[in-house]
Amino acid sequence: MIAELHGKLENHMEDELTGNFFGTIRYVDAEKIFRPLFEKCIRPTNFADAAKKIEDGWWADKIKFWPHDTLGEIDVLLNFDKILIGVEVKYQSGESGTNQLDREADILQRKAGDKDKILILLAPESRCLDVVTPARQKIIFDKFGVRLGYVAWEDIFDELKNFQAHSPLEKLIVDDLTKLLTRKGFDRFRSFDNLSLLSPVEEGKFYVFD
């Protein structure tokens, strides 16, 4: 990540972005950076209540990257005592294969037992609503008992930019992540030209989650 921050390389791989972002924030307690970002950026906003089930303290042992399953690999699996969170990270590509999120919801419901289960699409804002439609949400919840939400990279960038760090380590981590997302292009000015984030799934219909 350091080489990329200093302009020594250009990396457009989703796996690299996944590892750099989650691999960095796991170095501080969950409630310091991850939980505030989760609460403020998750959509629909009522999913923020799940943050109460994210445990305080050290959580590096709660994170699994690309755990293997016969149905595929969820990019990040966060396994807390009361909640199982799956994160599918997107940067420039679309869904991988047919019904990728449906398959990942199936994986979650098999692994979670009686825990709360949330599947999050972490993607550029212009693509979130095209993937996480109300119809898809209903199918995944009804069939697998998994709540499906999304987080926009641009919202994470905004929160990091205004983040109040409480230690030199937190500040260093937040500064590096802010620089990383800047290099990825997630700091772009939001104007009336960016109404594509409300792109209709059907002509004449707009889906609003909040």
Protein backbone atom coordinates (compact mmCIF):
# COMPACT_ATOMS: atom_id res chain seq x y z
CA MET A 1 0.00 0.00 0.00
CA ILE A 2 2.84 2.42 0.81
CA ALA A 3 4.23 2.15 -2.73
CA GLU A 4 0.81 2.97 -4.14
CA LEU A 5 0.35 5.94 -1.80
CA HIS A 6 3.62 7.39 -3.06
CA GLY A 7 2.75 6.91 -6.71
CA LYS A 8 5.21 4.08 -7.33
CA LEU A 9 2.55 1.81 -8.79
CA GLU A 10 -1.03 1.81 -10.03
CA ASN A 11 -3.11 -1.08 -8.79
CA HIS A 12 -6.65 -1.72 -9.99
CA MET A 13 -7.15 -5.11 -8.34
CA GLU A 14 -10.13 -5.51 -6.01
CA ASP A 15 -8.33 -8.07 -3.85
CA GLU A 16 -5.49 -5.61 -3.26
CA LEU A 17 -7.95 -2.89 -2.23
CA THR A 18 -9.75 -5.37 0.05
CA GLY A 19 -6.54 -6.44 1.77
CA ASN A 20 -5.17 -2.92 2.12
CA PHE A 21 -8.37 -1.49 3.61
CA PHE A 22 -9.48 -4.25 5.99
CA GLY A 23 -5.94 -5.41 6.69
CA THR A 24 -5.12 -1.90 7.94
CA ILE A 25 -8.16 -1.13 10.11
CA ARG A 26 -7.84 -4.44 11.95
CA TYR A 27 -4.74 -3.07 13.72
CA VAL A 28 -6.89 -1.00 16.09
CA ASP A 29 -9.80 -2.07 18.28
CA ALA A 30 -13.09 -2.60 16.45
CA GLU A 31 -14.88 0.30 18.13
CA LYS A 32 -12.19 2.83 17.15
CA ILE A 33 -12.57 2.94 13.36
CA PHE A 34 -14.56 0.01 11.97
CA ARG A 35 -17.71 0.33 14.08
CA PRO A 36 -18.13 4.13 13.53
CA LEU A 37 -17.70 3.63 9.76
CA PHE A 38 -20.21 0.77 9.81
CA GLU A 39 -22.80 2.79 11.72
CA LYS A 40 -22.53 5.91 9.57
CA CYS A 41 -22.14 4.38 6.11
CA ILE A 42 -24.36 1.29 6.01
CA ARG A 43 -27.52 1.54 3.91
CA PRO A 44 -30.39 1.10 4.59
CA THR A 45 -29.65 3.26 7.61
CA ASN A 46 -31.72 1.08 9.97
CA PHE A 47 -29.08 -1.63 9.54
CA ALA A 48 -26.83 0.50 11.76
CA ASP A 49 -28.47 -1.17 14.77
CA ALA A 50 -26.32 -4.22 14.00
CA ALA A 51 -23.25 -2.26 15.08
CA LYS A 52 -24.29 -2.90 18.69
CA LYS A 53 -23.43 -6.56 18.14
CA ILE A 54 -19.87 -5.79 17.06
CA GLU A 55 -17.63 -6.49 20.03
CA ASP A 56 -15.26 -3.98 21.54
CA GLY A 57 -11.55 -4.55 21.64
CA TRP A 58 -9.15 -6.64 19.59
CA TRP A 59 -10.79 -8.17 16.53
CA ALA A 60 -8.00 -9.23 14.14
CA ASP A 61 -8.83 -12.85 14.91
CA LYS A 62 -12.46 -12.23 13.88
CA ILE A 63 -11.54 -11.42 10.26
CA LYS A 64 -11.17 -14.01 7.53
CA PHE A 65 -10.09 -13.02 4.03
CA TRP A 66 -11.53 -15.00 1.09
CA PRO A 67 -12.54 -18.08 3.13
CA HIS A 68 -13.12 -21.01 0.81
CA ASP A 69 -16.57 -22.49 0.31
CA THR A 70 -17.96 -24.76 -2.37
CA LEU A 71 -20.29 -21.95 -3.48
CA GLY A 72 -17.51 -19.36 -3.76
CA GLU A 73 -15.47 -16.92 -1.70
CA ILE A 74 -16.80 -13.99 0.28
CA ASP A 75 -14.10 -11.31 0.23
CA VAL A 76 -14.23 -10.58 3.98
CA LEU A 77 -15.98 -12.56 6.70
CA LEU A 78 -16.34 -10.89 10.10
CA ASN A 79 -17.38 -13.46 12.67
CA PHE A 80 -18.38 -11.94 16.00
CA ASP A 81 -20.18 -13.71 18.85
CA LYS A 82 -23.61 -12.26 17.97
CA ILE A 83 -23.34 -11.34 14.31
CA LEU A 84 -21.78 -12.66 11.10
CA ILE A 85 -20.97 -10.02 8.49
CA GLY A 86 -20.00 -10.85 4.95
CA VAL A 87 -18.48 -8.14 2.74
CA GLU A 88 -18.36 -8.35 -1.05
CA VAL A 89 -15.91 -5.72 -2.30
CA LYS A 90 -16.23 -4.14 -5.74
CA TYR A 91 -13.95 -1.60 -7.34
CA GLN A 92 -14.23 -1.66 -11.13
CA SER A 93 -15.84 -5.00 -11.98
CA GLY A 94 -19.41 -6.22 -11.72
CA GLU A 95 -20.81 -9.32 -10.05
CA SER A 96 -18.73 -12.47 -10.49
CA GLY A 97 -20.90 -15.02 -12.23
CA THR A 98 -24.63 -15.56 -11.86
CA ASN A 99 -26.33 -14.51 -8.63
CA GLN A 100 -23.09 -13.99 -6.71
CA LEU A 101 -24.78 -12.20 -3.80
CA ASP A 102 -27.41 -14.94 -3.57
CA ARG A 103 -24.69 -17.58 -3.31
CA GLU A 104 -22.89 -15.57 -0.64
CA ALA A 105 -26.12 -15.19 1.34
CA ASP A 106 -26.44 -18.98 1.23
CA ILE A 107 -22.90 -19.29 2.61
CA LEU A 108 -23.69 -16.88 5.45
CA GLN A 109 -26.86 -18.63 6.53
CA ARG A 110 -25.03 -21.97 6.68
CA LYS A 111 -22.15 -20.56 8.74
CA ALA A 112 -24.04 -18.23 11.08
CA GLY A 113 -26.31 -20.56 13.03
CA ASP A 114 -28.59 -18.39 15.15
CA LYS A 115 -26.44 -15.23 14.81
CA ASP A 116 -27.65 -12.11 13.08
CA LYS A 117 -26.51 -12.21 9.44
CA ILE A 118 -25.69 -9.26 7.18
CA LEU A 119 -24.24 -9.27 3.68
CA ILE A 120 -22.73 -5.95 2.59
CA LEU A 121 -21.86 -4.84 -0.91
CA LEU A 122 -18.95 -2.39 -0.64
CA ALA A 123 -18.77 -0.61 -4.00
CA PRO A 124 -18.63 2.74 -5.80
CA GLU A 125 -21.85 4.66 -5.12
CA SER A 126 -22.86 4.81 -8.78
CA ARG A 127 -23.21 1.02 -8.84
CA CYS A 128 -24.68 0.17 -5.45
CA LEU A 129 -28.35 0.66 -6.24
CA ASP A 130 -28.02 -1.14 -9.56
CA VAL A 131 -27.04 -4.29 -7.66
CA VAL A 132 -28.76 -4.08 -4.29
CA THR A 133 -32.35 -3.54 -5.43
CA PRO A 134 -35.34 -3.94 -3.12
CA ALA A 135 -36.28 -7.07 -5.08
CA ARG A 136 -32.88 -8.64 -4.45
CA GLN A 137 -33.06 -7.63 -0.78
CA LYS A 138 -36.40 -9.35 -0.36
CA ILE A 139 -35.27 -12.55 -2.07
CA ILE A 140 -32.14 -12.85 0.04
CA PHE A 141 -33.92 -12.08 3.31
CA ASP A 142 -36.89 -14.38 2.65
CA LYS A 143 -34.86 -17.31 1.35
CA PHE A 144 -31.75 -17.16 3.52
CA GLY A 145 -32.64 -14.93 6.48
CA VAL A 146 -29.75 -12.65 5.54
CA ARG A 147 -30.09 -8.88 5.48
CA LEU A 148 -28.56 -7.34 2.35
CA GLY A 149 -27.18 -3.80 2.48
CA TYR A 150 -24.53 -1.68 0.87
CA VAL A 151 -21.77 0.79 1.68
CA ALA A 152 -20.41 3.28 -0.86
CA TRP A 153 -16.67 3.84 -0.98
CA GLU A 154 -17.34 7.57 -1.34
CA ASP A 155 -19.22 7.62 1.98
CA ILE A 156 -16.31 5.89 3.69
CA PHE A 157 -13.94 8.48 2.22
CA ASP A 158 -16.10 11.33 3.56
CA GLU A 159 -16.22 9.81 7.04
CA LEU A 160 -12.48 9.17 7.10
CA LYS A 161 -11.77 12.73 5.97
CA ASN A 162 -13.72 14.08 8.96
CA PHE A 163 -12.65 11.37 11.42
CA GLN A 164 -11.51 12.52 14.86
CA ALA A 165 -8.58 10.30 15.78
CA HIS A 166 -7.82 9.75 19.47
CA SER A 167 -4.25 8.50 19.16
CA PRO A 168 -1.25 8.88 16.84
CA LEU A 169 -1.81 5.32 15.59
CA GLU A 170 -5.45 6.01 14.71
CA LYS A 171 -4.46 9.21 12.92
CA LEU A 172 -1.76 7.42 10.92
CA ILE A 173 -4.17 4.68 9.85
CA VAL A 174 -6.97 7.10 8.94
CA ASP A 175 -4.59 9.36 7.00
CA ASP A 176 -3.21 6.42 5.00
CA LEU A 177 -6.68 5.09 4.21
CA THR A 178 -7.85 8.54 3.14
CA LYS A 179 -4.88 8.82 0.79
CA LEU A 180 -5.57 5.33 -0.55
CA LEU A 181 -9.21 6.11 -1.37
CA THR A 182 -8.15 9.40 -2.92
CA ARG A 183 -5.85 7.54 -5.29
CA LYS A 184 -8.72 5.20 -6.12
CA GLY A 185 -10.84 8.18 -7.16
CA PHE A 186 -13.42 8.09 -4.37
CA ASP A 187 -12.97 11.75 -3.36
CA ARG A 188 -14.69 13.15 -6.43
CA PHE A 189 -16.90 16.21 -6.04
CA ARG A 190 -20.55 15.28 -5.66
CA SER A 191 -22.63 17.58 -7.86
CA PHE A 192 -25.86 17.43 -9.81
CA ASP A 193 -23.85 15.65 -12.51
CA ASN A 194 -23.65 12.60 -10.24
CA LEU A 195 -27.35 11.77 -10.22
CA SER A 196 -26.37 8.41 -11.72
CA LEU A 197 -26.25 7.07 -8.17
CA LEU A 198 -30.06 7.20 -8.31
CA SER A 199 -30.16 5.34 -11.61
CA PRO A 200 -33.54 3.65 -12.08
CA VAL A 201 -33.74 -0.12 -12.15
CA GLU A 202 -36.89 0.24 -14.26
CA GLU A 203 -37.70 3.19 -16.45
CA GLY A 204 -39.52 5.87 -14.49
CA LYS A 205 -39.00 4.20 -11.11
CA PHE A 206 -36.42 5.20 -8.52
CA TYR A 207 -35.64 3.09 -5.50
CA VAL A 208 -34.91 4.88 -2.24
CA PHE A 209 -33.72 2.87 0.75
CA ASP A 210 -33.94 5.41 3.57
